[in-house]
Amino acid sequence: VGLQLNKSCPNVGQGRDFYGFVDEVWEDLSVASVLGIPLIPKLLPFTPADVVVNISHHQACDAIALNQTIPFGKCANWINWKKLFPIGSPLLRRRFEQLGGFSGPQVLPIVADTIERVRELGCQIPLIAGNGIRSQSDVVFLLNCGATAIEIGSVALVRPWRMRAIIVTGLEYVS
């Protein structure tokens, strides 16, 4: 049993400034540390590498998950928002107050890039990659970039028949 601390989800209006976010995550880790279970902050895939490393230094941080959804409109150099959503945020069109976020294969290279940069800074704790994994080759790609583990989700909805092979590939790769 472990606890993933998710305070960065844009689908519930939680996208925020990274550098101001560190103190909040450190406080959450300190408070939750009394549980005596593994604690894993879940961060946006494009969180600056130095912020990830800073959070990883908290004594109660057991791993970091870099697999959050991307806030709508962010990472425009990676995601073609106009092509994917030509008439804007689906949440705004449904009268939500926040823009929401996006998960999918377009996010995978962002996750990989951040993991590589975090590892280059010497981060040694486990990094959990996810968001956009659709195939066995995606798993191998992320693990080769420095991920310690993978977390799969959307493939269960869009290609559930691939789940078994994806899981087996991950297990074979790390054993």
Protein backbone atom coordinates (compact mmCIF):
# COMPACT_ATOMS: atom_id res chain seq x y z
CA VAL A 1 0.00 0.00 0.00
CA GLY A 2 1.23 3.48 -0.86
CA LEU A 3 -0.22 6.93 -1.27
CA GLN A 4 0.04 9.03 -4.40
CA LEU A 5 -0.23 12.71 -3.48
CA ASN A 6 -2.05 14.37 -6.35
CA LYS A 7 -2.35 18.12 -6.01
CA SER A 8 -1.43 19.10 -9.57
CA CYS A 9 -4.43 17.92 -11.59
CA PRO A 10 -5.69 20.59 -13.99
CA ASN A 11 -9.02 18.78 -14.42
CA VAL A 12 -9.97 19.92 -10.95
CA GLY A 13 -8.43 23.37 -11.26
CA GLN A 14 -5.13 22.51 -9.58
CA GLY A 15 -2.53 23.61 -12.16
CA ARG A 16 -0.20 26.03 -10.40
CA ASP A 17 3.19 27.69 -10.21
CA PHE A 18 5.89 25.05 -9.86
CA TYR A 19 8.24 26.89 -7.54
CA GLY A 20 5.47 27.88 -5.13
CA PHE A 21 4.22 24.31 -5.29
CA VAL A 22 7.36 22.80 -3.72
CA ASP A 23 6.57 24.04 -0.20
CA GLU A 24 3.06 22.61 -0.42
CA VAL A 25 4.30 19.20 -1.54
CA TRP A 26 6.97 19.20 1.20
CA GLU A 27 4.27 19.99 3.77
CA ASP A 28 2.02 17.22 2.44
CA LEU A 29 4.89 14.73 2.58
CA SER A 30 5.67 15.75 6.17
CA VAL A 31 2.05 15.39 7.27
CA ALA A 32 1.51 12.08 5.46
CA SER A 33 4.80 10.61 6.68
CA VAL A 34 3.10 9.53 9.94
CA LEU A 35 1.21 6.92 7.91
CA GLY A 36 4.38 4.87 7.53
CA ILE A 37 3.60 3.94 3.92
CA PRO A 38 5.35 4.84 0.66
CA LEU A 39 4.53 8.39 -0.46
CA ILE A 40 4.61 9.38 -4.11
CA PRO A 41 3.92 12.95 -5.24
CA LYS A 42 2.23 13.02 -8.66
CA LEU A 43 3.59 15.87 -10.76
CA LEU A 44 2.94 17.44 -14.12
CA PRO A 45 5.10 15.85 -16.83
CA PHE A 46 6.76 19.17 -17.66
CA THR A 47 7.66 20.05 -14.07
CA PRO A 48 11.13 21.65 -14.16
CA ALA A 49 13.80 19.07 -13.41
CA ASP A 50 15.22 21.09 -10.51
CA VAL A 51 11.78 21.16 -8.87
CA VAL A 52 11.45 17.38 -9.20
CA VAL A 53 14.90 16.90 -7.68
CA ASN A 54 14.08 19.30 -4.84
CA ILE A 55 10.92 17.35 -3.98
CA SER A 56 12.84 14.05 -4.23
CA HIS A 57 15.10 15.20 -1.39
CA HIS A 58 12.29 15.15 1.17
CA GLN A 59 12.94 12.27 3.57
CA ALA A 60 9.38 10.93 3.17
CA CYS A 61 9.41 10.99 -0.65
CA ASP A 62 9.70 7.39 -1.82
CA ALA A 63 9.18 7.97 -5.55
CA ILE A 64 7.83 10.59 -7.93
CA ALA A 65 5.14 10.02 -10.54
CA LEU A 66 5.55 12.16 -13.65
CA ASN A 67 2.30 11.25 -15.30
CA GLN A 68 -0.23 13.96 -14.61
CA THR A 69 -2.49 15.29 -17.35
CA ILE A 70 -1.22 18.37 -19.22
CA PRO A 71 -3.17 21.58 -18.47
CA PHE A 72 -5.09 22.66 -21.53
CA GLY A 73 -2.99 24.90 -23.77
CA LYS A 74 0.36 24.19 -22.07
CA CYS A 75 3.36 22.67 -23.84
CA ALA A 76 2.32 24.09 -27.21
CA ASN A 77 5.75 23.22 -28.58
CA TRP A 78 4.87 19.55 -27.99
CA ILE A 79 1.08 19.48 -28.42
CA ASN A 80 -0.84 20.92 -31.37
CA TRP A 81 -3.86 22.16 -29.42
CA LYS A 82 -5.55 23.78 -32.45
CA LYS A 83 -5.46 20.51 -34.36
CA LEU A 84 -6.70 18.39 -31.44
CA PHE A 85 -9.31 20.87 -30.18
CA PRO A 86 -10.14 23.34 -32.97
CA ILE A 87 -13.00 24.90 -31.03
CA GLY A 88 -11.25 25.10 -27.66
CA SER A 89 -11.43 23.39 -24.30
CA PRO A 90 -14.14 20.72 -24.07
CA LEU A 91 -14.63 21.59 -20.39
CA LEU A 92 -15.27 25.27 -21.07
CA ARG A 93 -17.80 24.31 -23.72
CA ARG A 94 -19.56 22.28 -21.02
CA ARG A 95 -19.59 25.31 -18.71
CA PHE A 96 -16.87 24.19 -16.32
CA GLU A 97 -14.78 27.01 -14.87
CA GLN A 98 -11.38 25.44 -15.60
CA LEU A 99 -9.80 24.56 -18.93
CA GLY A 100 -9.05 20.99 -17.92
CA GLY A 101 -6.23 18.81 -19.10
CA PHE A 102 -5.13 16.38 -21.73
CA SER A 103 -3.71 12.87 -21.55
CA GLY A 104 -2.57 10.74 -24.42
CA PRO A 105 0.27 9.72 -26.70
CA GLN A 106 1.27 13.34 -27.34
CA VAL A 107 2.27 13.57 -23.67
CA LEU A 108 4.63 10.59 -23.73
CA PRO A 109 7.66 12.47 -25.18
CA ILE A 110 7.19 15.22 -22.57
CA VAL A 111 7.32 12.63 -19.79
CA ALA A 112 10.42 11.04 -21.32
CA ASP A 113 12.18 14.40 -21.70
CA THR A 114 11.53 15.35 -18.08
CA ILE A 115 12.71 11.98 -16.78
CA GLU A 116 15.94 12.29 -18.76
CA ARG A 117 16.57 15.82 -17.43
CA VAL A 118 15.81 14.75 -13.84
CA ARG A 119 18.21 11.81 -14.11
CA GLU A 120 20.88 14.11 -15.60
CA LEU A 121 20.63 16.16 -12.38
CA GLY A 122 21.43 13.01 -10.39
CA CYS A 123 18.00 12.12 -9.02
CA GLN A 124 18.22 8.57 -7.68
CA ILE A 125 14.73 7.85 -6.33
CA PRO A 126 12.26 5.84 -8.41
CA LEU A 127 10.50 7.78 -11.17
CA ILE A 128 7.14 6.50 -12.32
CA ALA A 129 6.31 7.31 -15.93
CA GLY A 130 2.89 7.32 -17.50
CA ASN A 131 0.46 9.19 -19.69
CA GLY A 132 0.15 8.04 -23.27
CA ILE A 133 1.51 4.52 -22.97
CA ARG A 134 -0.18 2.50 -25.70
CA SER A 135 2.31 -0.21 -26.58
CA GLN A 136 5.19 -2.37 -25.43
CA SER A 137 7.63 -0.12 -27.28
CA ASP A 138 6.35 2.86 -25.24
CA VAL A 139 7.26 0.97 -22.07
CA VAL A 140 10.77 0.17 -23.30
CA PHE A 141 11.22 3.79 -24.47
CA LEU A 142 10.31 5.21 -21.04
CA LEU A 143 12.41 2.71 -19.12
CA ASN A 144 15.39 3.50 -21.39
CA CYS A 145 14.89 7.20 -20.62
CA GLY A 146 15.37 6.48 -16.91
CA ALA A 147 11.91 5.60 -15.61
CA THR A 148 11.95 3.03 -12.83
CA ALA A 149 8.33 1.98 -13.27
CA ILE A 150 5.34 2.71 -15.47
CA GLU A 151 1.76 3.53 -14.67
CA ILE A 152 -0.82 2.71 -17.29
CA GLY A 153 -4.32 4.09 -17.53
CA SER A 154 -5.84 5.33 -20.76
CA VAL A 155 -4.74 2.24 -22.68
CA ALA A 156 -7.22 0.33 -20.52
CA LEU A 157 -9.99 2.41 -22.06
CA VAL A 158 -8.85 2.72 -25.66
CA ARG A 159 -6.88 -0.51 -26.24
CA PRO A 160 -7.58 -2.88 -23.33
CA TRP A 161 -6.39 -5.91 -25.32
CA ARG A 162 -2.84 -4.47 -25.10
CA MET A 163 -2.72 -4.32 -21.30
CA ARG A 164 -1.31 -7.80 -20.69
CA ALA A 165 1.56 -7.42 -23.19
CA ILE A 166 2.42 -3.96 -21.85
CA ILE A 167 2.57 -5.24 -18.27
CA VAL A 168 4.60 -8.32 -19.23
CA THR A 169 7.08 -6.15 -21.16
CA GLY A 170 7.58 -3.91 -18.15
CA LEU A 171 8.08 -6.85 -15.82
CA GLU A 172 10.53 -8.56 -18.18
CA TYR A 173 12.51 -5.36 -18.69
CA VAL A 174 13.09 -4.69 -15.01
CA SER A 175 13.74 -8.28 -13.91
